[in-house]
Amino acid sequence: MSIIKEYKEKYAGTYGSPVDIHVVKHLLAKFKVSDETYIQWLAETNGGLIISNWYDGIDELQDSQDKLASEPWNIKSFVIGWDGSGNPIALLPDNSIHVEYANLGGTQQLAKDFAQLLKQGVSS
């Protein structure tokens, strides 16, 4: 069973409706996002909950990039969501997932890639 299918079974009712894959790929190409698992997950779920964090849908992604650019964050990558404290969760060019903590300073790696993040979510 694919990790996206496992995710959808565990998180049923906590994610959005599918989005045309061409729309997703068009938007993500603009930001040079290449993580295939993330691209497929976004197309199938249009964002949603993973563990305790919300990950943006297609309509929220541009706003998140604008918000990151307008605030004094050090992380300068593609924001895929925000944690419960309002800290950005970003997909870096190497496909790793990081969160920047405003109060603590610095960043922390959450997963080596989006597939690993989904696996953590499914197993939690």
PDB file of N, CA and C in Angstrom:
ATOM      1  N   MET A   1       0.856  -1.183   0.000  1.00  0.00           N
ATOM      2  CA  MET A   1       0.000   0.000   0.000  1.00  0.00           C
ATOM      3  C   MET A   1       0.898   1.240   0.000  1.00  0.00           C
ATOM      4  N   SER A   2       0.543   2.225  -0.807  1.00  0.00           N
ATOM      5  CA  SER A   2       1.349   3.444  -0.878  1.00  0.00           C
ATOM      6  C   SER A   2       1.168   4.276   0.388  1.00  0.00           C
ATOM      7  N   ILE A   3       2.168   5.076   0.683  1.00  0.00           N
ATOM      8  CA  ILE A   3       2.117   5.916   1.887  1.00  0.00           C
ATOM      9  C   ILE A   3       0.988   6.938   1.789  1.00  0.00           C
ATOM     10  N   ILE A   4       0.677   7.410   0.597  1.00  0.00           N
ATOM     11  CA  ILE A   4      -0.427   8.363   0.450  1.00  0.00           C
ATOM     12  C   ILE A   4      -1.757   7.669   0.742  1.00  0.00           C
ATOM     13  N   LYS A   5      -1.910   6.450   0.267  1.00  0.00           N
ATOM     14  CA  LYS A   5      -3.130   5.702   0.554  1.00  0.00           C
ATOM     15  C   LYS A   5      -3.262   5.441   2.057  1.00  0.00           C
ATOM     16  N   GLU A   6      -2.164   5.064   2.703  1.00  0.00           N
ATOM     17  CA  GLU A   6      -2.175   4.850   4.159  1.00  0.00           C
ATOM     18  C   GLU A   6      -2.562   6.142   4.874  1.00  0.00           C
ATOM     19  N   TYR A   7      -1.974   7.258   4.421  1.00  0.00           N
ATOM     20  CA  TYR A   7      -2.290   8.564   5.011  1.00  0.00           C
ATOM     21  C   TYR A   7      -3.787   8.844   4.883  1.00  0.00           C
ATOM     22  N   LYS A   8      -4.325   8.648   3.688  1.00  0.00           N
ATOM     23  CA  LYS A   8      -5.738   8.964   3.452  1.00  0.00           C
ATOM     24  C   LYS A   8      -6.665   8.103   4.304  1.00  0.00           C
ATOM     25  N   GLU A   9      -6.285   6.868   4.541  1.00  0.00           N
ATOM     26  CA  GLU A   9      -7.094   6.008   5.405  1.00  0.00           C
ATOM     27  C   GLU A   9      -7.057   6.493   6.852  1.00  0.00           C
ATOM     28  N   LYS A  10      -5.872   6.821   7.339  1.00  0.00           N
ATOM     29  CA  LYS A  10      -5.735   7.245   8.737  1.00  0.00           C
ATOM     30  C   LYS A  10      -6.345   8.621   8.982  1.00  0.00           C
ATOM     31  N   TYR A  11      -6.174   9.538   8.033  1.00  0.00           N
ATOM     32  CA  TYR A  11      -6.588  10.922   8.215  1.00  0.00           C
ATOM     33  C   TYR A  11      -7.885  11.260   7.488  1.00  0.00           C
ATOM     34  N   ALA A  12      -8.698  10.279   7.195  1.00  0.00           N
ATOM     35  CA  ALA A  12      -9.964  10.515   6.493  1.00  0.00           C
ATOM     36  C   ALA A  12     -10.750  11.637   7.168  1.00  0.00           C
ATOM     37  N   GLY A  13     -11.222  12.578   6.367  1.00  0.00           N
ATOM     38  CA  GLY A  13     -12.004  13.704   6.876  1.00  0.00           C
ATOM     39  C   GLY A  13     -11.175  14.891   7.330  1.00  0.00           C
ATOM     40  N   THR A  14      -9.847  14.779   7.254  1.00  0.00           N
ATOM     41  CA  THR A  14      -8.995  15.891   7.709  1.00  0.00           C
ATOM     42  C   THR A  14      -8.186  16.508   6.570  1.00  0.00           C
ATOM     43  N   TYR A  15      -8.559  16.201   5.352  1.00  0.00           N
ATOM     44  CA  TYR A  15      -7.873  16.791   4.201  1.00  0.00           C
ATOM     45  C   TYR A  15      -8.920  17.215   3.184  1.00  0.00           C
ATOM     46  N   GLY A  16      -8.470  17.953   2.180  1.00  0.00           N
ATOM     47  CA  GLY A  16      -9.391  18.535   1.216  1.00  0.00           C
ATOM     48  C   GLY A  16      -9.721  17.613   0.049  1.00  0.00           C
ATOM     49  N   SER A  17     -10.372  18.198  -0.933  1.00  0.00           N
ATOM     50  CA  SER A  17     -10.758  17.479  -2.154  1.00  0.00           C
ATOM     51  C   SER A  17      -9.612  17.505  -3.151  1.00  0.00           C
ATOM     52  N   PRO A  18      -9.525  16.518  -4.016  1.00  0.00           N
ATOM     53  CA  PRO A  18      -8.440  16.461  -4.997  1.00  0.00           C
ATOM     54  C   PRO A  18      -8.373  17.706  -5.884  1.00  0.00           C
ATOM     55  N   VAL A  19      -7.168  17.951  -6.362  1.00  0.00           N
ATOM     56  CA  VAL A  19      -6.888  19.070  -7.263  1.00  0.00           C
ATOM     57  C   VAL A  19      -6.256  18.479  -8.524  1.00  0.00           C
ATOM     58  N   ASP A  20      -6.573  19.047  -9.664  1.00  0.00           N
ATOM     59  CA  ASP A  20      -5.983  18.585 -10.915  1.00  0.00           C
ATOM     60  C   ASP A  20      -4.459  18.612 -10.798  1.00  0.00           C
ATOM     61  N   ILE A  21      -3.819  17.502 -11.127  1.00  0.00           N
ATOM     62  CA  ILE A  21      -2.363  17.384 -11.020  1.00  0.00           C
ATOM     63  C   ILE A  21      -1.636  18.433 -11.852  1.00  0.00           C
ATOM     64  N   HIS A  22      -2.229  18.852 -12.973  1.00  0.00           N
ATOM     65  CA  HIS A  22      -1.592  19.869 -13.823  1.00  0.00           C
ATOM     66  C   HIS A  22      -1.577  21.227 -13.127  1.00  0.00           C
ATOM     67  N   VAL A  23      -2.614  21.541 -12.381  1.00  0.00           N
ATOM     68  CA  VAL A  23      -2.666  22.788 -11.609  1.00  0.00           C
ATOM     69  C   VAL A  23      -1.589  22.759 -10.535  1.00  0.00           C
ATOM     70  N   VAL A  24      -1.488  21.634  -9.839  1.00  0.00           N
ATOM     71  CA  VAL A  24      -0.478  21.482  -8.787  1.00  0.00           C
ATOM     72  C   VAL A  24       0.922  21.613  -9.374  1.00  0.00           C
ATOM     73  N   LYS A  25       1.196  20.878 -10.435  1.00  0.00           N
ATOM     74  CA  LYS A  25       2.539  20.915 -11.031  1.00  0.00           C
ATOM     75  C   LYS A  25       2.887  22.296 -11.557  1.00  0.00           C
ATOM     76  N   HIS A  26       1.905  23.001 -12.124  1.00  0.00           N
ATOM     77  CA  HIS A  26       2.148  24.355 -12.635  1.00  0.00           C
ATOM     78  C   HIS A  26       2.568  25.294 -11.500  1.00  0.00           C
ATOM     79  N   LEU A  27       1.829  25.273 -10.395  1.00  0.00           N
ATOM     80  CA  LEU A  27       2.168  26.133  -9.259  1.00  0.00           C
ATOM     81  C   LEU A  27       3.514  25.754  -8.664  1.00  0.00           C
ATOM     82  N   LEU A  28       3.741  24.479  -8.443  1.00  0.00           N
ATOM     83  CA  LEU A  28       4.971  24.058  -7.771  1.00  0.00           C
ATOM     84  C   LEU A  28       6.203  24.241  -8.646  1.00  0.00           C
ATOM     85  N   ALA A  29       6.044  24.171  -9.960  1.00  0.00           N
ATOM     86  CA  ALA A  29       7.169  24.419 -10.859  1.00  0.00           C
ATOM     87  C   ALA A  29       7.670  25.854 -10.711  1.00  0.00           C
ATOM     88  N   LYS A  30       6.762  26.767 -10.456  1.00  0.00           N
ATOM     89  CA  LYS A  30       7.103  28.177 -10.247  1.00  0.00           C
ATOM     90  C   LYS A  30       8.078  28.333  -9.075  1.00  0.00           C
ATOM     91  N   PHE A  31       7.969  27.436  -8.094  1.00  0.00           N
ATOM     92  CA  PHE A  31       8.821  27.495  -6.904  1.00  0.00           C
ATOM     93  C   PHE A  31       9.898  26.411  -6.908  1.00  0.00           C
ATOM     94  N   LYS A  32      10.036  25.717  -8.030  1.00  0.00           N
ATOM     95  CA  LYS A  32      11.046  24.669  -8.207  1.00  0.00           C
ATOM     96  C   LYS A  32      10.918  23.538  -7.184  1.00  0.00           C
ATOM     97  N   VAL A  33       9.691  23.198  -6.846  1.00  0.00           N
ATOM     98  CA  VAL A  33       9.420  22.087  -5.932  1.00  0.00           C
ATOM     99  C   VAL A  33       9.432  20.792  -6.733  1.00  0.00           C
ATOM    100  N   SER A  34      10.237  19.819  -6.279  1.00  0.00           N
ATOM    101  CA  SER A  34      10.399  18.584  -7.051  1.00  0.00           C
ATOM    102  C   SER A  34      10.062  17.313  -6.282  1.00  0.00           C
ATOM    103  N   ASP A  35       9.684  17.402  -5.026  1.00  0.00           N
ATOM    104  CA  ASP A  35       9.394  16.207  -4.233  1.00  0.00           C
ATOM    105  C   ASP A  35       8.121  15.553  -4.768  1.00  0.00           C
ATOM    106  N   GLU A  36       8.276  14.416  -5.442  1.00  0.00           N
ATOM    107  CA  GLU A  36       7.148  13.761  -6.112  1.00  0.00           C
ATOM    108  C   GLU A  36       6.066  13.305  -5.139  1.00  0.00           C
ATOM    109  N   THR A  37       6.453  12.875  -3.955  1.00  0.00           N
ATOM    110  CA  THR A  37       5.446  12.452  -2.979  1.00  0.00           C
ATOM    111  C   THR A  37       4.609  13.645  -2.548  1.00  0.00           C
ATOM    112  N   TYR A  38       5.256  14.788  -2.320  1.00  0.00           N
ATOM    113  CA  TYR A  38       4.516  16.000  -1.943  1.00  0.00           C
ATOM    114  C   TYR A  38       3.575  16.423  -3.070  1.00  0.00           C
ATOM    115  N   ILE A  39       4.060  16.411  -4.287  1.00  0.00           N
ATOM    116  CA  ILE A  39       3.244  16.812  -5.432  1.00  0.00           C
ATOM    117  C   ILE A  39       1.999  15.922  -5.537  1.00  0.00           C
ATOM    118  N   GLN A  40       2.188  14.620  -5.436  1.00  0.00           N
ATOM    119  CA  GLN A  40       1.068  13.683  -5.536  1.00  0.00           C
ATOM    120  C   GLN A  40       0.118  13.841  -4.350  1.00  0.00           C
ATOM    121  N   TRP A  41       0.670  13.992  -3.132  1.00  0.00           N
ATOM    122  CA  TRP A  41      -0.153  14.171  -1.929  1.00  0.00           C
ATOM    123  C   TRP A  41      -1.015  15.426  -2.047  1.00  0.00           C
ATOM    124  N   LEU A  42      -0.410  16.526  -2.503  1.00  0.00           N
ATOM    125  CA  LEU A  42      -1.151  17.773  -2.654  1.00  0.00           C
ATOM    126  C   LEU A  42      -2.276  17.613  -3.682  1.00  0.00           C
ATOM    127  N   ALA A  43      -1.988  16.938  -4.781  1.00  0.00           N
ATOM    128  CA  ALA A  43      -3.019  16.719  -5.800  1.00  0.00           C
ATOM    129  C   ALA A  43      -4.161  15.852  -5.265  1.00  0.00           C
ATOM    130  N   GLU A  44      -3.840  14.854  -4.461  1.00  0.00           N
ATOM    131  CA  GLU A  44      -4.867  13.935  -3.959  1.00  0.00           C
ATOM    132  C   GLU A  44      -5.631  14.464  -2.749  1.00  0.00           C
ATOM    133  N   THR A  45      -5.006  15.355  -1.961  1.00  0.00           N
ATOM    134  CA  THR A  45      -5.634  15.786  -0.701  1.00  0.00           C
ATOM    135  C   THR A  45      -5.923  17.278  -0.614  1.00  0.00           C
ATOM    136  N   ASN A  46      -5.225  18.072  -1.414  1.00  0.00           N
ATOM    137  CA  ASN A  46      -5.348  19.529  -1.350  1.00  0.00           C
ATOM    138  C   ASN A  46      -5.093  20.051   0.063  1.00  0.00           C
ATOM    139  N   GLY A  47      -4.054  19.514   0.682  1.00  0.00           N
ATOM    140  CA  GLY A  47      -3.666  19.953   2.020  1.00  0.00           C
ATOM    141  C   GLY A  47      -4.387  19.182   3.101  1.00  0.00           C
ATOM    142  N   GLY A  48      -3.868  19.304   4.309  1.00  0.00           N
ATOM    143  CA  GLY A  48      -4.523  18.622   5.414  1.00  0.00           C
ATOM    144  C   GLY A  48      -3.635  18.464   6.627  1.00  0.00           C
ATOM    145  N   LEU A  49      -4.154  17.759   7.578  1.00  0.00           N
ATOM    146  CA  LEU A  49      -3.495  17.526   8.852  1.00  0.00           C
ATOM    147  C   LEU A  49      -2.481  16.389   8.726  1.00  0.00           C
ATOM    148  N   ILE A  50      -1.302  16.596   9.297  1.00  0.00           N
ATOM    149  CA  ILE A  50      -0.320  15.523   9.469  1.00  0.00           C
ATOM    150  C   ILE A  50       0.202  15.674  10.889  1.00  0.00           C
ATOM    151  N   ILE A  51       0.000  14.671  11.679  1.00  0.00           N
ATOM    152  CA  ILE A  51       0.279  14.660  13.110  1.00  0.00           C
ATOM    153  C   ILE A  51      -0.525  15.808  13.724  1.00  0.00           C
ATOM    154  N   SER A  52       0.121  16.893  14.139  1.00  0.00           N
ATOM    155  CA  SER A  52      -0.643  17.991  14.745  1.00  0.00           C
ATOM    156  C   SER A  52      -0.508  19.294  13.971  1.00  0.00           C
ATOM    157  N   ASN A  53       0.052  19.242  12.792  1.00  0.00           N
ATOM    158  CA  ASN A  53       0.263  20.443  11.982  1.00  0.00           C
ATOM    159  C   ASN A  53      -0.614  20.423  10.744  1.00  0.00           C
ATOM    160  N   TRP A  54      -1.021  21.619  10.317  1.00  0.00           N
ATOM    161  CA  TRP A  54      -1.827  21.771   9.118  1.00  0.00           C
ATOM    162  C   TRP A  54      -0.919  22.129   7.952  1.00  0.00           C
ATOM    163  N   TYR A  55      -1.096  21.431   6.840  1.00  0.00           N
ATOM    164  CA  TYR A  55      -0.330  21.677   5.629  1.00  0.00           C
ATOM    165  C   TYR A  55      -1.255  22.281   4.582  1.00  0.00           C
ATOM    166  N   ASP A  56      -0.787  23.357   3.959  1.00  0.00           N
ATOM    167  CA  ASP A  56      -1.596  24.167   3.052  1.00  0.00           C
ATOM    168  C   ASP A  56      -2.138  23.402   1.859  1.00  0.00           C
ATOM    169  N   GLY A  57      -3.309  23.863   1.411  1.00  0.00           N
ATOM    170  CA  GLY A  57      -3.885  23.432   0.159  1.00  0.00           C
ATOM    171  C   GLY A  57      -3.413  24.368  -0.942  1.00  0.00           C
ATOM    172  N   ILE A  58      -3.794  24.072  -2.146  1.00  0.00           N
ATOM    173  CA  ILE A  58      -3.340  24.819  -3.321  1.00  0.00           C
ATOM    174  C   ILE A  58      -3.680  26.308  -3.232  1.00  0.00           C
ATOM    175  N   ASP A  59      -4.847  26.643  -2.673  1.00  0.00           N
ATOM    176  CA  ASP A  59      -5.262  28.041  -2.593  1.00  0.00           C
ATOM    177  C   ASP A  59      -4.526  28.823  -1.507  1.00  0.00           C
ATOM    178  N   GLU A  60      -3.905  28.146  -0.574  1.00  0.00           N
ATOM    179  CA  GLU A  60      -3.207  28.820   0.531  1.00  0.00           C
ATOM    180  C   GLU A  60      -1.713  28.956   0.301  1.00  0.00           C
ATOM    181  N   LEU A  61      -1.167  28.190  -0.620  1.00  0.00           N
ATOM    182  CA  LEU A  61       0.287  28.147  -0.788  1.00  0.00           C
ATOM    183  C   LEU A  61       0.892  29.496  -1.174  1.00  0.00           C
ATOM    184  N   GLN A  62       0.293  30.219  -2.101  1.00  0.00           N
ATOM    185  CA  GLN A  62       0.854  31.511  -2.495  1.00  0.00           C
ATOM    186  C   GLN A  62       0.824  32.488  -1.316  1.00  0.00           C
ATOM    187  N   ASP A  63      -0.273  32.502  -0.562  1.00  0.00           N
ATOM    188  CA  ASP A  63      -0.358  33.378   0.617  1.00  0.00           C
ATOM    189  C   ASP A  63       0.733  33.055   1.621  1.00  0.00           C
ATOM    190  N   SER A  64       1.039  31.778   1.793  1.00  0.00           N
ATOM    191  CA  SER A  64       2.092  31.391   2.732  1.00  0.00           C
ATOM    192  C   SER A  64       3.462  31.874   2.265  1.00  0.00           C
ATOM    193  N   GLN A  65       3.704  31.819   0.951  1.00  0.00           N
ATOM    194  CA  GLN A  65       4.990  32.311   0.432  1.00  0.00           C
ATOM    195  C   GLN A  65       5.092  33.825   0.652  1.00  0.00           C
ATOM    196  N   ASP A  66       3.983  34.535   0.433  1.00  0.00           N
ATOM    197  CA  ASP A  66       3.958  35.986   0.630  1.00  0.00           C
ATOM    198  C   ASP A  66       4.157  36.340   2.101  1.00  0.00           C
ATOM    199  N   LYS A  67       3.504  35.582   2.986  1.00  0.00           N
ATOM    200  CA  LYS A  67       3.639  35.816   4.428  1.00  0.00           C
ATOM    201  C   LYS A  67       5.080  35.601   4.874  1.00  0.00           C
ATOM    202  N   LEU A  68       5.699  34.528   4.412  1.00  0.00           N
ATOM    203  CA  LEU A  68       7.094  34.259   4.774  1.00  0.00           C
ATOM    204  C   LEU A  68       7.991  35.413   4.331  1.00  0.00           C
ATOM    205  N   ALA A  69       7.773  35.898   3.116  1.00  0.00           N
ATOM    206  CA  ALA A  69       8.603  36.972   2.572  1.00  0.00           C
ATOM    207  C   ALA A  69       8.402  38.292   3.304  1.00  0.00           C
ATOM    208  N   SER A  70       7.217  38.502   3.879  1.00  0.00           N
ATOM    209  CA  SER A  70       6.922  39.787   4.521  1.00  0.00           C
ATOM    210  C   SER A  70       7.256  39.811   6.013  1.00  0.00           C
ATOM    211  N   GLU A  71       7.673  38.691   6.573  1.00  0.00           N
ATOM    212  CA  GLU A  71       7.997  38.604   8.000  1.00  0.00           C
ATOM    213  C   GLU A  71       9.478  38.247   8.167  1.00  0.00           C
ATOM    214  N   PRO A  72      10.046  38.518   9.335  1.00  0.00           N
ATOM    215  CA  PRO A  72      11.488  38.322   9.533  1.00  0.00           C
ATOM    216  C   PRO A  72      11.915  36.875   9.825  1.00  0.00           C
ATOM    217  N   TRP A  73      11.564  35.954   8.946  1.00  0.00           N
ATOM    218  CA  TRP A  73      11.979  34.560   9.106  1.00  0.00           C
ATOM    219  C   TRP A  73      13.331  34.355   8.445  1.00  0.00           C
ATOM    220  N   ASN A  74      14.127  33.477   8.998  1.00  0.00           N
ATOM    221  CA  ASN A  74      15.426  33.148   8.414  1.00  0.00           C
ATOM    222  C   ASN A  74      15.306  32.082   7.331  1.00  0.00           C
ATOM    223  N   ILE A  75      14.351  31.191   7.480  1.00  0.00           N
ATOM    224  CA  ILE A  75      14.172  30.109   6.512  1.00  0.00           C
ATOM    225  C   ILE A  75      13.636  30.715   5.206  1.00  0.00           C
ATOM    226  N   LYS A  76      14.297  30.419   4.132  1.00  0.00           N
ATOM    227  CA  LYS A  76      13.924  31.021   2.842  1.00  0.00           C
ATOM    228  C   LYS A  76      13.630  29.934   1.820  1.00  0.00           C
ATOM    229  N   SER A  77      12.722  29.068   2.165  1.00  0.00           N
ATOM    230  CA  SER A  77      12.350  27.966   1.287  1.00  0.00           C
ATOM    231  C   SER A  77      10.849  27.974   1.063  1.00  0.00           C
ATOM    232  N   PHE A  78      10.340  26.944   0.435  1.00  0.00           N
ATOM    233  CA  PHE A  78       8.930  26.856   0.085  1.00  0.00           C
ATOM    234  C   PHE A  78       8.113  26.418   1.297  1.00  0.00           C
ATOM    235  N   VAL A  79       7.256  27.307   1.780  1.00  0.00           N
ATOM    236  CA  VAL A  79       6.421  27.012   2.945  1.00  0.00           C
ATOM    237  C   VAL A  79       5.268  26.114   2.526  1.00  0.00           C
ATOM    238  N   ILE A  80       5.140  24.979   3.240  1.00  0.00           N
ATOM    239  CA  ILE A  80       4.055  24.040   2.938  1.00  0.00           C
ATOM    240  C   ILE A  80       2.995  24.048   4.032  1.00  0.00           C
ATOM    241  N   GLY A  81       3.266  24.763   5.117  1.00  0.00           N
ATOM    242  CA  GLY A  81       2.300  24.841   6.208  1.00  0.00           C
ATOM    243  C   GLY A  81       2.857  25.626   7.378  1.00  0.00           C
ATOM    244  N   TRP A  82       2.059  25.663   8.439  1.00  0.00           N
ATOM    245  CA  TRP A  82       2.419  26.411   9.647  1.00  0.00           C
ATOM    246  C   TRP A  82       2.069  25.532  10.844  1.00  0.00           C
ATOM    247  N   ASP A  83       2.952  25.515  11.840  1.00  0.00           N
ATOM    248  CA  ASP A  83       2.621  24.704  13.008  1.00  0.00           C
ATOM    249  C   ASP A  83       1.627  25.448  13.887  1.00  0.00           C
ATOM    250  N   GLY A  84       1.200  24.823  14.973  1.00  0.00           N
ATOM    251  CA  GLY A  84       0.178  25.400  15.841  1.00  0.00           C
ATOM    252  C   GLY A  84       0.573  26.700  16.494  1.00  0.00           C
ATOM    253  N   SER A  85       1.870  27.012  16.517  1.00  0.00           N
ATOM    254  CA  SER A  85       2.353  28.267  17.096  1.00  0.00           C
ATOM    255  C   SER A  85       2.607  29.331  16.038  1.00  0.00           C
ATOM    256  N   GLY A  86       2.284  29.033  14.786  1.00  0.00           N
ATOM    257  CA  GLY A  86       2.466  30.007  13.708  1.00  0.00           C
ATOM    258  C   GLY A  86       3.854  30.013  13.110  1.00  0.00           C
ATOM    259  N   ASN A  87       4.621  28.959  13.332  1.00  0.00           N
ATOM    260  CA  ASN A  87       5.962  28.845  12.760  1.00  0.00           C
ATOM    261  C   ASN A  87       5.883  28.174  11.385  1.00  0.00           C
ATOM    262  N   PRO A  88       6.683  28.662  10.423  1.00  0.00           N
ATOM    263  CA  PRO A  88       6.622  28.092   9.080  1.00  0.00           C
ATOM    264  C   PRO A  88       7.257  26.709   8.991  1.00  0.00           C
ATOM    265  N   ILE A  89       6.590  25.837   8.252  1.00  0.00           N
ATOM    266  CA  ILE A  89       7.121  24.516   7.925  1.00  0.00           C
ATOM    267  C   ILE A  89       7.469  24.577   6.443  1.00  0.00           C
ATOM    268  N   ALA A  90       8.731  24.307   6.129  1.00  0.00           N
ATOM    269  CA  ALA A  90       9.207  24.521   4.767  1.00  0.00           C
ATOM    270  C   ALA A  90       9.805  23.270   4.154  1.00  0.00           C
ATOM    271  N   LEU A  91       9.637  23.173   2.851  1.00  0.00           N
ATOM    272  CA  LEU A  91      10.248  22.144   2.032  1.00  0.00           C
ATOM    273  C   LEU A  91      11.499  22.771   1.418  1.00  0.00           C
ATOM    274  N   LEU A  92      12.666  22.284   1.810  1.00  0.00           N
ATOM    275  CA  LEU A  92      13.921  22.833   1.336  1.00  0.00           C
ATOM    276  C   LEU A  92      14.292  22.255  -0.031  1.00  0.00           C
ATOM    277  N   PRO A  93      15.248  22.875  -0.719  1.00  0.00           N
ATOM    278  CA  PRO A  93      15.637  22.388  -2.050  1.00  0.00           C
ATOM    279  C   PRO A  93      16.094  20.927  -2.075  1.00  0.00           C
ATOM    280  N   ASP A  94      16.621  20.414  -0.957  1.00  0.00           N
ATOM    281  CA  ASP A  94      17.035  19.012  -0.901  1.00  0.00           C
ATOM    282  C   ASP A  94      15.868  18.084  -0.543  1.00  0.00           C
ATOM    283  N   ASN A  95      14.648  18.641  -0.506  1.00  0.00           N
ATOM    284  CA  ASN A  95      13.388  17.950  -0.206  1.00  0.00           C
ATOM    285  C   ASN A  95      13.195  17.632   1.274  1.00  0.00           C
ATOM    286  N   SER A  96      14.114  18.059   2.142  1.00  0.00           N
ATOM    287  CA  SER A  96      13.898  17.853   3.574  1.00  0.00           C
ATOM    288  C   SER A  96      12.860  18.863   4.079  1.00  0.00           C
ATOM    289  N   ILE A  97      12.203  18.494   5.176  1.00  0.00           N
ATOM    290  CA  ILE A  97      11.155  19.322   5.767  1.00  0.00           C
ATOM    291  C   ILE A  97      11.688  19.892   7.067  1.00  0.00           C
ATOM    292  N   HIS A  98      11.613  21.227   7.210  1.00  0.00           N
ATOM    293  CA  HIS A  98      12.113  21.913   8.399  1.00  0.00           C
ATOM    294  C   HIS A  98      11.051  22.873   8.932  1.00  0.00           C
ATOM    295  N   VAL A  99      11.138  23.143  10.230  1.00  0.00           N
ATOM    296  CA  VAL A  99      10.306  24.163  10.861  1.00  0.00           C
ATOM    297  C   VAL A  99      11.249  25.161  11.508  1.00  0.00           C
ATOM    298  N   GLU A 100      10.899  26.447  11.427  1.00  0.00           N
ATOM    299  CA  GLU A 100      11.670  27.482  12.109  1.00  0.00           C
ATOM    300  C   GLU A 100      10.883  27.934  13.324  1.00  0.00           C
ATOM    301  N   TYR A 101      11.554  27.977  14.465  1.00  0.00           N
ATOM    302  CA  TYR A 101      10.900  28.365  15.716  1.00  0.00           C
ATOM    303  C   TYR A 101      11.215  29.812  16.046  1.00  0.00           C
ATOM    304  N   ALA A 102      10.187  30.654  16.091  1.00  0.00           N
ATOM    305  CA  ALA A 102      10.369  32.075  16.387  1.00  0.00           C
ATOM    306  C   ALA A 102      10.880  32.280  17.801  1.00  0.00           C
ATOM    307  N   ASN A 103      10.282  31.606  18.765  1.00  0.00           N
ATOM    308  CA  ASN A 103      10.644  31.816  20.169  1.00  0.00           C
ATOM    309  C   ASN A 103      11.961  31.158  20.550  1.00  0.00           C
ATOM    310  N   LEU A 104      12.271  30.033  19.973  1.00  0.00           N
ATOM    311  CA  LEU A 104      13.478  29.300  20.328  1.00  0.00           C
ATOM    312  C   LEU A 104      14.662  29.662  19.443  1.00  0.00           C
ATOM    313  N   GLY A 105      14.380  30.211  18.275  1.00  0.00           N
ATOM    314  CA  GLY A 105      15.434  30.513  17.317  1.00  0.00           C
ATOM    315  C   GLY A 105      15.889  29.246  16.615  1.00  0.00           C
ATOM    316  N   GLY A 106      16.300  29.370  15.402  1.00  0.00           N
ATOM    317  CA  GLY A 106      16.804  28.233  14.654  1.00  0.00           C
ATOM    318  C   GLY A 106      15.719  27.384  14.022  1.00  0.00           C
ATOM    319  N   THR A 107      16.192  26.364  13.322  1.00  0.00           N
ATOM    320  CA  THR A 107      15.290  25.460  12.631  1.00  0.00           C
ATOM    321  C   THR A 107      15.522  24.031  13.114  1.00  0.00           C
ATOM    322  N   GLN A 108      14.536  23.201  12.858  1.00  0.00           N
ATOM    323  CA  GLN A 108      14.644  21.787  13.184  1.00  0.00           C
ATOM    324  C   GLN A 108      14.142  20.987  11.995  1.00  0.00           C
ATOM    325  N   GLN A 109      14.874  19.933  11.649  1.00  0.00           N
ATOM    326  CA  GLN A 109      14.416  19.048  10.576  1.00  0.00           C
ATOM    327  C   GLN A 109      13.328  18.147  11.123  1.00  0.00           C
ATOM    328  N   LEU A 110      12.189  18.113  10.423  1.00  0.00           N
ATOM    329  CA  LEU A 110      11.090  17.240  10.793  1.00  0.00           C
ATOM    330  C   LEU A 110      11.167  15.901  10.074  1.00  0.00           C
ATOM    331  N   ALA A 111      11.678  15.923   8.838  1.00  0.00           N
ATOM    332  CA  ALA A 111      11.764  14.700   8.042  1.00  0.00           C
ATOM    333  C   ALA A 111      12.762  14.909   6.909  1.00  0.00           C
ATOM    334  N   LYS A 112      13.317  13.796   6.423  1.00  0.00           N
ATOM    335  CA  LYS A 112      14.288  13.894   5.324  1.00  0.00           C
ATOM    336  C   LYS A 112      13.608  14.206   3.994  1.00  0.00           C
ATOM    337  N   ASP A 113      12.303  13.890   3.904  1.00  0.00           N
ATOM    338  CA  ASP A 113      11.513  14.224   2.724  1.00  0.00           C
ATOM    339  C   ASP A 113      10.036  14.068   3.085  1.00  0.00           C
ATOM    340  N   PHE A 114       9.160  14.367   2.145  1.00  0.00           N
ATOM    341  CA  PHE A 114       7.733  14.343   2.441  1.00  0.00           C
ATOM    342  C   PHE A 114       7.218  12.928   2.692  1.00  0.00           C
ATOM    343  N   ALA A 115       7.781  11.938   2.018  1.00  0.00           N
ATOM    344  CA  ALA A 115       7.376  10.548   2.260  1.00  0.00           C
ATOM    345  C   ALA A 115       7.641  10.169   3.709  1.00  0.00           C
ATOM    346  N   GLN A 116       8.784  10.561   4.233  1.00  0.00           N
ATOM    347  CA  GLN A 116       9.102  10.247   5.627  1.00  0.00           C
ATOM    348  C   GLN A 116       8.136  10.984   6.566  1.00  0.00           C
ATOM    349  N   LEU A 117       7.783  12.217   6.252  1.00  0.00           N
ATOM    350  CA  LEU A 117       6.824  12.958   7.060  1.00  0.00           C
ATOM    351  C   LEU A 117       5.481  12.226   7.102  1.00  0.00           C
ATOM    352  N   LEU A 118       5.018  11.747   5.952  1.00  0.00           N
ATOM    353  CA  LEU A 118       3.777  10.990   5.915  1.00  0.00           C
ATOM    354  C   LEU A 118       3.882   9.697   6.717  1.00  0.00           C
ATOM    355  N   LYS A 119       5.022   9.016   6.615  1.00  0.00           N
ATOM    356  CA  LYS A 119       5.217   7.785   7.388  1.00  0.00           C
ATOM    357  C   LYS A 119       5.144   8.073   8.889  1.00  0.00           C
ATOM    358  N   GLN A 120       5.750   9.172   9.301  1.00  0.00           N
ATOM    359  CA  GLN A 120       5.672   9.552  10.719  1.00  0.00           C
ATOM    360  C   GLN A 120       4.224   9.810  11.120  1.00  0.00           C
ATOM    361  N   GLY A 121       3.489  10.468  10.239  1.00  0.00           N
ATOM    362  CA  GLY A 121       2.085  10.765  10.518  1.00  0.00           C
ATOM    363  C   GLY A 121       1.234   9.526  10.590  1.00  0.00           C
ATOM    364  N   VAL A 122       1.499   8.575   9.739  1.00  0.00           N
ATOM    365  CA  VAL A 122       0.723   7.338   9.719  1.00  0.00           C
ATOM    366  C   VAL A 122       1.040   6.479  10.945  1.00  0.00           C
ATOM    367  N   SER A 123       2.289   6.506  11.385  1.00  0.00           N
ATOM    368  CA  SER A 123       2.687   5.653  12.502  1.00  0.00           C
ATOM    369  C   SER A 123       2.447   6.281  13.871  1.00  0.00           C
ATOM    370  N   SER A 124       2.074   7.566  13.898  1.00  0.00           N
ATOM    371  CA  SER A 124       1.890   8.234  15.213  1.00  0.00           C
ATOM    372  C   SER A 124       0.545   7.916  15.827  1.00  0.00           C
TER     373      SER A 124
END
